[in-house]
PDB file of N, CA and C in Angstrom:
ATOM      1  N   LYS A   1     105.319  95.483  98.119  1.00  0.00           N
ATOM      2  CA  LYS A   1     104.682  96.784  98.207  1.00  0.00           C
ATOM      3  C   LYS A   1     103.715  96.790  99.388  1.00  0.00           C
ATOM      4  N   ILE A   2     103.674  97.934 100.050  1.00  0.00           N
ATOM      5  CA  ILE A   2     102.725  98.103 101.154  1.00  0.00           C
ATOM      6  C   ILE A   2     102.097  99.490 101.080  1.00  0.00           C
ATOM      7  N   VAL A   3     100.920  99.600 101.683  1.00  0.00           N
ATOM      8  CA  VAL A   3     100.294 100.901 101.907  1.00  0.00           C
ATOM      9  C   VAL A   3     100.584 101.222 103.368  1.00  0.00           C
ATOM     10  N   PRO A   4     101.347 102.277 103.634  1.00  0.00           N
ATOM     11  CA  PRO A   4     101.736 102.557 105.015  1.00  0.00           C
ATOM     12  C   PRO A   4     100.546 102.925 105.899  1.00  0.00           C
ATOM     13  N   GLU A   5     100.705 102.677 107.177  1.00  0.00           N
ATOM     14  CA  GLU A   5      99.651 102.978 108.154  1.00  0.00           C
ATOM     15  C   GLU A   5      99.268 104.462 108.138  1.00  0.00           C
ATOM     16  N   ASN A   6     100.232 105.338 107.838  1.00  0.00           N
ATOM     17  CA  ASN A   6      99.972 106.786 107.869  1.00  0.00           C
ATOM     18  C   ASN A   6      99.577 107.339 106.499  1.00  0.00           C
ATOM     19  N   ILE A   7      99.013 106.515 105.652  1.00  0.00           N
ATOM     20  CA  ILE A   7      98.666 106.924 104.291  1.00  0.00           C
ATOM     21  C   ILE A   7      97.688 108.106 104.270  1.00  0.00           C
ATOM     22  N   TYR A   8      96.808 108.195 105.258  1.00  0.00           N
ATOM     23  CA  TYR A   8      95.869 109.321 105.301  1.00  0.00           C
ATOM     24  C   TYR A   8      96.634 110.640 105.336  1.00  0.00           C
ATOM     25  N   ARG A   9      97.666 110.683 106.142  1.00  0.00           N
ATOM     26  CA  ARG A   9      98.431 111.914 106.319  1.00  0.00           C
ATOM     27  C   ARG A   9      99.319 112.212 105.111  1.00  0.00           C
ATOM     28  N   ILE A  10      99.839 111.194 104.454  1.00  0.00           N
ATOM     29  CA  ILE A  10     100.853 111.437 103.419  1.00  0.00           C
ATOM     30  C   ILE A  10     100.336 111.383 101.978  1.00  0.00           C
ATOM     31  N   LEU A  11      99.095 110.927 101.762  1.00  0.00           N
ATOM     32  CA  LEU A  11      98.589 110.848 100.390  1.00  0.00           C
ATOM     33  C   LEU A  11      98.116 112.226  99.933  1.00  0.00           C
ATOM     34  N   ALA A  12      99.010 112.940  99.281  1.00  0.00           N
ATOM     35  CA  ALA A  12      98.732 114.282  98.767  1.00  0.00           C
ATOM     36  C   ALA A  12      98.155 114.171  97.350  1.00  0.00           C
ATOM     37  N   PRO A  13      97.516 115.228  96.863  1.00  0.00           N
ATOM     38  CA  PRO A  13      96.993 115.202  95.493  1.00  0.00           C
ATOM     39  C   PRO A  13      98.029 114.800  94.443  1.00  0.00           C
ATOM     40  N   VAL A  14      99.263 115.270  94.592  1.00  0.00           N
ATOM     41  CA  VAL A  14     100.306 114.908  93.624  1.00  0.00           C
ATOM     42  C   VAL A  14     100.599 113.408  93.681  1.00  0.00           C
ATOM     43  N   SER A  15     100.556 112.824  94.869  1.00  0.00           N
ATOM     44  CA  SER A  15     100.773 111.379  95.008  1.00  0.00           C
ATOM     45  C   SER A  15      99.641 110.601  94.356  1.00  0.00           C
ATOM     46  N   LEU A  16      98.416 111.069  94.555  1.00  0.00           N
ATOM     47  CA  LEU A  16      97.258 110.428  93.942  1.00  0.00           C
ATOM     48  C   LEU A  16      97.350 110.532  92.416  1.00  0.00           C
ATOM     49  N   ALA A  17      97.805 111.667  91.919  1.00  0.00           N
ATOM     50  CA  ALA A  17      97.982 111.838  90.474  1.00  0.00           C
ATOM     51  C   ALA A  17      98.981 110.826  89.924  1.00  0.00           C
ATOM     52  N   HIS A  18     100.078 110.627  90.630  1.00  0.00           N
ATOM     53  CA  HIS A  18     101.082 109.648  90.184  1.00  0.00           C
ATOM     54  C   HIS A  18     100.524 108.233  90.211  1.00  0.00           C
ATOM     55  N   LEU A  19      99.727 107.917  91.219  1.00  0.00           N
ATOM     56  CA  LEU A  19      99.103 106.596  91.289  1.00  0.00           C
ATOM     57  C   LEU A  19      98.187 106.375  90.086  1.00  0.00           C
ATOM     58  N   ILE A  20      97.390 107.378  89.751  1.00  0.00           N
ATOM     59  CA  ILE A  20      96.473 107.276  88.607  1.00  0.00           C
ATOM     60  C   ILE A  20      97.258 107.166  87.302  1.00  0.00           C
ATOM     61  N   MET A  21      98.288 107.979  87.144  1.00  0.00           N
ATOM     62  CA  MET A  21      99.066 107.932  85.899  1.00  0.00           C
ATOM     63  C   MET A  21      99.758 106.580  85.726  1.00  0.00           C
ATOM     64  N   ALA A  22     100.271 106.023  86.812  1.00  0.00           N
ATOM     65  CA  ALA A  22     101.023 104.774  86.716  1.00  0.00           C
ATOM     66  C   ALA A  22     100.129 103.544  86.629  1.00  0.00           C
ATOM     67  N   ASP A  23      99.089 103.504  87.452  1.00  0.00           N
ATOM     68  CA  ASP A  23      98.305 102.276  87.591  1.00  0.00           C
ATOM     69  C   ASP A  23      96.830 102.429  87.282  1.00  0.00           C
ATOM     70  N   GLY A  24      96.409 103.597  86.822  1.00  0.00           N
ATOM     71  CA  GLY A  24      94.999 103.837  86.539  1.00  0.00           C
ATOM     72  C   GLY A  24      94.647 103.566  85.087  1.00  0.00           C
ATOM     73  N   THR A  25      93.428 103.065  84.894  1.00  0.00           N
ATOM     74  CA  THR A  25      92.899 102.805  83.558  1.00  0.00           C
ATOM     75  C   THR A  25      91.478 103.341  83.499  1.00  0.00           C
ATOM     76  N   ALA A  26      91.174 104.108  82.461  1.00  0.00           N
ATOM     77  CA  ALA A  26      89.815 104.629  82.289  1.00  0.00           C
ATOM     78  C   ALA A  26      88.897 103.483  81.878  1.00  0.00           C
ATOM     79  N   VAL A  27      87.850 103.238  82.671  1.00  0.00           N
ATOM     80  CA  VAL A  27      86.869 102.189  82.376  1.00  0.00           C
ATOM     81  C   VAL A  27      85.481 102.642  82.806  1.00  0.00           C
ATOM     82  N   SER A  28      84.502 102.405  81.967  1.00  0.00           N
ATOM     83  CA  SER A  28      83.096 102.688  82.291  1.00  0.00           C
ATOM     84  C   SER A  28      82.872 104.086  82.839  1.00  0.00           C
ATOM     85  N   GLY A  29      83.598 105.053  82.318  1.00  0.00           N
ATOM     86  CA  GLY A  29      83.437 106.426  82.775  1.00  0.00           C
ATOM     87  C   GLY A  29      84.152 106.733  84.070  1.00  0.00           C
ATOM     88  N   GLY A  30      84.744 105.729  84.700  1.00  0.00           N
ATOM     89  CA  GLY A  30      85.492 105.914  85.934  1.00  0.00           C
ATOM     90  C   GLY A  30      86.941 105.507  85.728  1.00  0.00           C
ATOM     91  N   ILE A  31      87.598 105.179  86.821  1.00  0.00           N
ATOM     92  CA  ILE A  31      88.997 104.745  86.744  1.00  0.00           C
ATOM     93  C   ILE A  31      89.182 103.498  87.606  1.00  0.00           C
ATOM     94  N   ARG A  32      89.870 102.529  87.029  1.00  0.00           N
ATOM     95  CA  ARG A  32      90.278 101.346  87.785  1.00  0.00           C
ATOM     96  C   ARG A  32      91.760 101.511  88.103  1.00  0.00           C
ATOM     97  N   ILE A  33      92.112 101.328  89.369  1.00  0.00           N
ATOM     98  CA  ILE A  33      93.513 101.385  89.781  1.00  0.00           C
ATOM     99  C   ILE A  33      93.968  99.954  90.043  1.00  0.00           C
ATOM    100  N   CYS A  34      94.969  99.533  89.309  1.00  0.00           N
ATOM    101  CA  CYS A  34      95.480  98.164  89.446  1.00  0.00           C
ATOM    102  C   CYS A  34      96.392  98.090  90.664  1.00  0.00           C
ATOM    103  N   THR A  35      95.840  97.569  91.720  1.00  0.00           N
ATOM    104  CA  THR A  35      96.550  97.433  92.993  1.00  0.00           C
ATOM    105  C   THR A  35      96.809  95.961  93.289  1.00  0.00           C
ATOM    106  N   ASP A  36      97.000  95.185  92.233  1.00  0.00           N
ATOM    107  CA  ASP A  36      97.132  93.731  92.327  1.00  0.00           C
ATOM    108  C   ASP A  36      98.252  93.271  93.271  1.00  0.00           C
ATOM    109  N   SER A  37      99.311  94.046  93.374  1.00  0.00           N
ATOM    110  CA  SER A  37     100.459  93.595  94.164  1.00  0.00           C
ATOM    111  C   SER A  37     100.351  93.953  95.654  1.00  0.00           C
ATOM    112  N   PHE A  38      99.230  94.534  96.045  1.00  0.00           N
ATOM    113  CA  PHE A  38      99.003  94.876  97.450  1.00  0.00           C
ATOM    114  C   PHE A  38      98.079  93.848  98.097  1.00  0.00           C
ATOM    115  N   THR A  39      98.136  93.763  99.402  1.00  0.00           N
ATOM    116  CA  THR A  39      97.206  92.887 100.125  1.00  0.00           C
ATOM    117  C   THR A  39      95.827  93.537 100.149  1.00  0.00           C
ATOM    118  N   VAL A  40      94.816  92.729 100.380  1.00  0.00           N
ATOM    119  CA  VAL A  40      93.463  93.259 100.496  1.00  0.00           C
ATOM    120  C   VAL A  40      93.399  94.282 101.630  1.00  0.00           C
ATOM    121  N   GLN A  41      94.038  93.983 102.740  1.00  0.00           N
ATOM    122  CA  GLN A  41      94.040  94.894 103.884  1.00  0.00           C
ATOM    123  C   GLN A  41      94.627  96.257 103.499  1.00  0.00           C
ATOM    124  N   ASP A  42      95.726  96.262 102.753  1.00  0.00           N
ATOM    125  CA  ASP A  42      96.332  97.525 102.327  1.00  0.00           C
ATOM    126  C   ASP A  42      95.430  98.285 101.360  1.00  0.00           C
ATOM    127  N   VAL A  43      94.778  97.567 100.453  1.00  0.00           N
ATOM    128  CA  VAL A  43      93.893  98.223  99.489  1.00  0.00           C
ATOM    129  C   VAL A  43      92.671  98.794 100.201  1.00  0.00           C
ATOM    130  N   VAL A  44      92.153  98.089 101.186  1.00  0.00           N
ATOM    131  CA  VAL A  44      91.040  98.615 101.986  1.00  0.00           C
ATOM    132  C   VAL A  44      91.467  99.906 102.677  1.00  0.00           C
ATOM    133  N   ARG A  45      92.672  99.923 103.206  1.00  0.00           N
ATOM    134  CA  ARG A  45      93.190 101.137 103.854  1.00  0.00           C
ATOM    135  C   ARG A  45      93.227 102.294 102.854  1.00  0.00           C
ATOM    136  N   LEU A  46      93.692 102.032 101.643  1.00  0.00           N
ATOM    137  CA  LEU A  46      93.768 103.069 100.615  1.00  0.00           C
ATOM    138  C   LEU A  46      92.376 103.523 100.175  1.00  0.00           C
ATOM    139  N   VAL A  47      91.465 102.588  99.982  1.00  0.00           N
ATOM    140  CA  VAL A  47      90.084 102.935  99.613  1.00  0.00           C
ATOM    141  C   VAL A  47      89.471 103.832 100.685  1.00  0.00           C
ATOM    142  N   ASN A  48      89.677 103.504 101.947  1.00  0.00           N
ATOM    143  CA  ASN A  48      89.132 104.321 103.033  1.00  0.00           C
ATOM    144  C   ASN A  48      89.648 105.755 102.967  1.00  0.00           C
ATOM    145  N   VAL A  49      90.922 105.920 102.635  1.00  0.00           N
ATOM    146  CA  VAL A  49      91.492 107.268 102.516  1.00  0.00           C
ATOM    147  C   VAL A  49      90.855 108.005 101.341  1.00  0.00           C
ATOM    148  N   LEU A  50      90.684 107.323 100.224  1.00  0.00           N
ATOM    149  CA  LEU A  50      90.063 107.963  99.062  1.00  0.00           C
ATOM    150  C   LEU A  50      88.635 108.404  99.365  1.00  0.00           C
ATOM    151  N   ILE A  51      87.918 107.596 100.138  1.00  0.00           N
ATOM    152  CA  ILE A  51      86.535 107.930 100.500  1.00  0.00           C
ATOM    153  C   ILE A  51      86.485 109.050 101.537  1.00  0.00           C
ATOM    154  N   ILE A  52      87.266 108.924 102.590  1.00  0.00           N
ATOM    155  CA  ILE A  52      87.179 109.869 103.710  1.00  0.00           C
ATOM    156  C   ILE A  52      87.896 111.189 103.412  1.00  0.00           C
ATOM    157  N   LYS A  53      89.135 111.119 102.959  1.00  0.00           N
ATOM    158  CA  LYS A  53      89.924 112.334 102.747  1.00  0.00           C
ATOM    159  C   LYS A  53      89.528 113.083 101.482  1.00  0.00           C
ATOM    160  N   TYR A  54      89.267 112.334 100.405  1.00  0.00           N
ATOM    161  CA  TYR A  54      89.004 112.977  99.118  1.00  0.00           C
ATOM    162  C   TYR A  54      87.539 112.901  98.675  1.00  0.00           C
ATOM    163  N   ARG A  55      86.689 112.250  99.489  1.00  0.00           N
ATOM    164  CA  ARG A  55      85.244 112.154  99.217  1.00  0.00           C
ATOM    165  C   ARG A  55      84.930 111.510  97.860  1.00  0.00           C
ATOM    166  N   LEU A  56      85.786 110.587  97.426  1.00  0.00           N
ATOM    167  CA  LEU A  56      85.573 109.896  96.158  1.00  0.00           C
ATOM    168  C   LEU A  56      84.690 108.675  96.367  1.00  0.00           C
ATOM    169  N   LYS A  57      83.822 108.426  95.432  1.00  0.00           N
ATOM    170  CA  LYS A  57      82.996 107.216  95.464  1.00  0.00           C
ATOM    171  C   LYS A  57      83.822 106.109  94.826  1.00  0.00           C
ATOM    172  N   CYS A  58      84.272 105.182  95.652  1.00  0.00           N
ATOM    173  CA  CYS A  58      85.088 104.105  95.105  1.00  0.00           C
ATOM    174  C   CYS A  58      84.831 102.809  95.853  1.00  0.00           C
ATOM    175  N   THR A  59      85.167 101.727  95.178  1.00  0.00           N
ATOM    176  CA  THR A  59      84.946 100.391  95.726  1.00  0.00           C
ATOM    177  C   THR A  59      86.144  99.518  95.423  1.00  0.00           C
ATOM    178  N   LEU A  60      86.231  98.446  96.181  1.00  0.00           N
ATOM    179  CA  LEU A  60      87.256  97.439  95.953  1.00  0.00           C
ATOM    180  C   LEU A  60      86.612  96.296  95.185  1.00  0.00           C
ATOM    181  N   HIS A  61      87.247  95.889  94.104  1.00  0.00           N
ATOM    182  CA  HIS A  61      86.769  94.760  93.304  1.00  0.00           C
ATOM    183  C   HIS A  61      87.858  93.701  93.290  1.00  0.00           C
ATOM    184  N   MET A  62      87.467  92.461  93.420  1.00  0.00           N
ATOM    185  CA  MET A  62      88.424  91.365  93.312  1.00  0.00           C
ATOM    186  C   MET A  62      88.423  90.881  91.865  1.00  0.00           C
ATOM    187  N   VAL A  63      89.585  90.897  91.230  1.00  0.00           N
ATOM    188  CA  VAL A  63      89.749  90.437  89.852  1.00  0.00           C
ATOM    189  C   VAL A  63      90.831  89.364  89.862  1.00  0.00           C
ATOM    190  N   ASP A  64      90.448  88.148  89.496  1.00  0.00           N
ATOM    191  CA  ASP A  64      91.376  87.011  89.561  1.00  0.00           C
ATOM    192  C   ASP A  64      92.017  86.905  90.946  1.00  0.00           C
ATOM    193  N   ASN A  65      91.182  87.112  91.952  1.00  0.00           N
ATOM    194  CA  ASN A  65      91.599  87.012  93.354  1.00  0.00           C
ATOM    195  C   ASN A  65      92.625  88.081  93.763  1.00  0.00           C
ATOM    196  N   LYS A  66      92.662  89.193  93.025  1.00  0.00           N
ATOM    197  CA  LYS A  66      93.550  90.311  93.336  1.00  0.00           C
ATOM    198  C   LYS A  66      92.700  91.558  93.533  1.00  0.00           C
ATOM    199  N   PRO A  67      93.045  92.392  94.533  1.00  0.00           N
ATOM    200  CA  PRO A  67      92.226  93.580  94.799  1.00  0.00           C
ATOM    201  C   PRO A  67      92.536  94.733  93.850  1.00  0.00           C
ATOM    202  N   ARG A  68      91.477  95.350  93.340  1.00  0.00           N
ATOM    203  CA  ARG A  68      91.611  96.547  92.512  1.00  0.00           C
ATOM    204  C   ARG A  68      90.614  97.589  93.002  1.00  0.00           C
ATOM    205  N   ILE A  69      90.961  98.839  92.813  1.00  0.00           N
ATOM    206  CA  ILE A  69      90.107  99.947  93.214  1.00  0.00           C
ATOM    207  C   ILE A  69      89.379 100.475  91.985  1.00  0.00           C
ATOM    208  N   PHE A  70      88.086 100.718  92.137  1.00  0.00           N
ATOM    209  CA  PHE A  70      87.321 101.356  91.069  1.00  0.00           C
ATOM    210  C   PHE A  70      86.780 102.675  91.593  1.00  0.00           C
ATOM    211  N   ILE A  71      87.126 103.770  90.918  1.00  0.00           N
ATOM    212  CA  ILE A  71      86.594 105.091  91.249  1.00  0.00           C
ATOM    213  C   ILE A  71      85.438 105.352  90.296  1.00  0.00           C
ATOM    214  N   SER A  72      84.279 105.597  90.849  1.00  0.00           N
ATOM    215  CA  SER A  72      83.042 105.757  90.094  1.00  0.00           C
ATOM    216  C   SER A  72      83.076 106.958  89.150  1.00  0.00           C
ATOM    217  N   SER A  73      82.326 106.834  88.068  1.00  0.00           N
ATOM    218  CA  SER A  73      82.169 107.956  87.134  1.00  0.00           C
ATOM    219  C   SER A  73      81.581 109.168  87.849  1.00  0.00           C
ATOM    220  N   LYS A  74      80.806 108.936  88.914  1.00  0.00           N
ATOM    221  CA  LYS A  74      80.201 110.034  89.672  1.00  0.00           C
ATOM    222  C   LYS A  74      81.249 110.880  90.387  1.00  0.00           C
ATOM    223  N   SER A  75      82.460 110.350  90.549  1.00  0.00           N
ATOM    224  CA  SER A  75      83.527 111.079  91.234  1.00  0.00           C
ATOM    225  C   SER A  75      84.574 111.654  90.289  1.00  0.00           C
ATOM    226  N   MET A  76      84.388 111.482  88.999  1.00  0.00           N
ATOM    227  CA  MET A  76      85.429 111.892  88.058  1.00  0.00           C
ATOM    228  C   MET A  76      85.660 113.398  88.020  1.00  0.00           C
ATOM    229  N   ASP A  77      84.591 114.190  88.119  1.00  0.00           N
ATOM    230  CA  ASP A  77      84.784 115.643  88.135  1.00  0.00           C
ATOM    231  C   ASP A  77      85.568 116.057  89.380  1.00  0.00           C
ATOM    232  N   LEU A  78      85.219 115.485  90.518  1.00  0.00           N
ATOM    233  CA  LEU A  78      85.931 115.793  91.762  1.00  0.00           C
ATOM    234  C   LEU A  78      87.378 115.326  91.679  1.00  0.00           C
ATOM    235  N   LEU A  79      87.590 114.103  91.227  1.00  0.00           N
ATOM    236  CA  LEU A  79      88.957 113.582  91.091  1.00  0.00           C
ATOM    237  C   LEU A  79      89.779 114.472  90.167  1.00  0.00           C
ATOM    238  N   SER A  80      89.196 114.845  89.059  1.00  0.00           N
ATOM    239  CA  SER A  80      89.896 115.707  88.109  1.00  0.00           C
ATOM    240  C   SER A  80      90.297 117.033  88.753  1.00  0.00           C
ATOM    241  N   SER A  81      89.402 117.610  89.534  1.00  0.00           N
ATOM    242  CA  SER A  81      89.718 118.891  90.176  1.00  0.00           C
ATOM    243  C   SER A  81      90.850 118.754  91.193  1.00  0.00           C
ATOM    244  N   ILE A  82      90.989 117.568  91.767  1.00  0.00           N
ATOM    245  CA  ILE A  82      92.031 117.322  92.764  1.00  0.00           C
ATOM    246  C   ILE A  82      93.393 117.092  92.109  1.00  0.00           C
ATOM    247  N   ILE A  83      93.422 116.300  91.043  1.00  0.00           N
ATOM    248  CA  ILE A  83      94.719 115.866  90.508  1.00  0.00           C
ATOM    249  C   ILE A  83      95.114 116.475  89.167  1.00  0.00           C
ATOM    250  N   ASN A  84      94.200 117.132  88.477  1.00  0.00           N
ATOM    251  CA  ASN A  84      94.490 117.651  87.135  1.00  0.00           C
ATOM    252  C   ASN A  84      95.766 118.500  87.054  1.00  0.00           C
ATOM    253  N   PRO A  85      96.052 119.351  88.039  1.00  0.00           N
ATOM    254  CA  PRO A  85      97.276 120.164  87.931  1.00  0.00           C
ATOM    255  C   PRO A  85      98.566 119.332  87.870  1.00  0.00           C
ATOM    256  N   TYR A  86      98.511 118.086  88.291  1.00  0.00           N
ATOM    257  CA  TYR A  86      99.706 117.253  88.370  1.00  0.00           C
ATOM    258  C   TYR A  86      99.780 116.187  87.274  1.00  0.00           C
ATOM    259  N   ILE A  87      98.755 116.107  86.446  1.00  0.00           N
ATOM    260  CA  ILE A  87      98.713 115.091  85.398  1.00  0.00           C
ATOM    261  C   ILE A  87      99.459 115.604  84.164  1.00  0.00           C
ATOM    262  N   VAL A  88     100.405 114.810  83.676  1.00  0.00           N
ATOM    263  CA  VAL A  88     101.144 115.205  82.475  1.00  0.00           C
ATOM    264  C   VAL A  88     100.206 115.126  81.271  1.00  0.00           C
ATOM    265  N   PRO A  89     100.433 115.963  80.266  1.00  0.00           N
ATOM    266  CA  PRO A  89      99.507 116.027  79.129  1.00  0.00           C
ATOM    267  C   PRO A  89      99.181 114.680  78.483  1.00  0.00           C
ATOM    268  N   SER A  90     100.153 113.804  78.368  1.00  0.00           N
ATOM    269  CA  SER A  90      99.898 112.518  77.699  1.00  0.00           C
ATOM    270  C   SER A  90      98.991 111.594  78.505  1.00  0.00           C
ATOM    271  N   MET A  91      98.728 111.932  79.753  1.00  0.00           N
ATOM    272  CA  MET A  91      97.871 111.105  80.615  1.00  0.00           C
ATOM    273  C   MET A  91      96.508 111.727  80.879  1.00  0.00           C
ATOM    274  N   LYS A  92      96.252 112.922  80.339  1.00  0.00           N
ATOM    275  CA  LYS A  92      94.987 113.625  80.584  1.00  0.00           C
ATOM    276  C   LYS A  92      93.773 112.829  80.116  1.00  0.00           C
ATOM    277  N   TYR A  93      93.960 111.941  79.138  1.00  0.00           N
ATOM    278  CA  TYR A  93      92.832 111.150  78.631  1.00  0.00           C
ATOM    279  C   TYR A  93      92.190 110.309  79.733  1.00  0.00           C
ATOM    280  N   LYS A  94      92.934 110.010  80.777  1.00  0.00           N
ATOM    281  CA  LYS A  94      92.381 109.214  81.870  1.00  0.00           C
ATOM    282  C   LYS A  94      91.328 109.979  82.664  1.00  0.00           C
ATOM    283  N   LEU A  95      91.313 111.293  82.509  1.00  0.00           N
ATOM    284  CA  LEU A  95      90.381 112.132  83.273  1.00  0.00           C
ATOM    285  C   LEU A  95      89.216 112.646  82.451  1.00  0.00           C
ATOM    286  N   ILE A  96      89.053 112.169  81.241  1.00  0.00           N
ATOM    287  CA  ILE A  96      87.942 112.623  80.408  1.00  0.00           C
ATOM    288  C   ILE A  96      86.629 112.184  81.035  1.00  0.00           C
ATOM    289  N   THR A  97      85.761 113.156  81.269  1.00  0.00           N
ATOM    290  CA  THR A  97      84.453 112.889  81.871  1.00  0.00           C
ATOM    291  C   THR A  97      83.355 113.295  80.918  1.00  0.00           C
ATOM    292  N   GLN A  98      82.156 112.861  81.206  1.00  0.00           N
ATOM    293  CA  GLN A  98      81.010 113.232  80.373  1.00  0.00           C
ATOM    294  C   GLN A  98      80.809 114.734  80.375  1.00  0.00           C
ATOM    295  N   SER A  99      80.994 115.377  81.534  1.00  0.00           N
ATOM    296  CA  SER A  99      80.793 116.827  81.583  1.00  0.00           C
ATOM    297  C   SER A  99      81.889 117.563  80.819  1.00  0.00           C
ATOM    298  N   SER A 100      83.114 117.035  80.812  1.00  0.00           N
ATOM    299  CA  SER A 100      84.172 117.702  80.042  1.00  0.00           C
ATOM    300  C   SER A 100      83.930 117.554  78.554  1.00  0.00           C
ATOM    301  N   ILE A 101      83.377 116.430  78.139  1.00  0.00           N
ATOM    302  CA  ILE A 101      83.016 116.236  76.732  1.00  0.00           C
ATOM    303  C   ILE A 101      81.906 117.211  76.355  1.00  0.00           C
ATOM    304  N   SER A 102      80.895 117.333  77.220  1.00  0.00           N
ATOM    305  CA  SER A 102      79.779 118.245  76.956  1.00  0.00           C
ATOM    306  C   SER A 102      80.245 119.686  76.847  1.00  0.00           C
ATOM    307  N   SER A 103      81.177 120.095  77.718  1.00  0.00           N
ATOM    308  CA  SER A 103      81.646 121.480  77.672  1.00  0.00           C
ATOM    309  C   SER A 103      82.460 121.742  76.414  1.00  0.00           C
ATOM    310  N   GLN A 104      83.186 120.742  75.920  1.00  0.00           N
ATOM    311  CA  GLN A 104      83.942 120.900  74.678  1.00  0.00           C
ATOM    312  C   GLN A 104      82.998 121.018  73.482  1.00  0.00           C
ATOM    313  N   ILE A 105      81.908 120.269  73.514  1.00  0.00           N
ATOM    314  CA  ILE A 105      80.936 120.309  72.415  1.00  0.00           C
ATOM    315  C   ILE A 105      80.250 121.670  72.359  1.00  0.00           C
ATOM    316  N   LYS A 106      79.980 122.269  73.528  1.00  0.00           N
ATOM    317  CA  LYS A 106      79.281 123.557  73.580  1.00  0.00           C
ATOM    318  C   LYS A 106      80.142 124.701  73.086  1.00  0.00           C
ATOM    319  N   LYS A 107      81.469 124.541  73.057  1.00  0.00           N
ATOM    320  CA  LYS A 107      82.377 125.628  72.655  1.00  0.00           C
ATOM    321  C   LYS A 107      82.338 125.896  71.186  1.00  0.00           C
TER     322      LYS A 107
END
């Protein structure tokens, strides 16, 4: 697996939604994307696109010497607004945020 050099141009919201549905896990109010099969260089390229193109607060974490992406809880509302239209109902739980919980309680 590789992250192509032109990922900035081709990573559309629907593509990001598929990445989250396939490899994302809700953790600590944010999302961890398991990118274990990619090189560190490729994951850095992807993190840069998430930060620059989508303005997401995210970091690269090494877990068992494998790179993973963590999207901060502070970016969950923004991430949800970007990818929610493309998330299948059974995967919506990955986008549950504190503000969405609060709005449900107020109803």
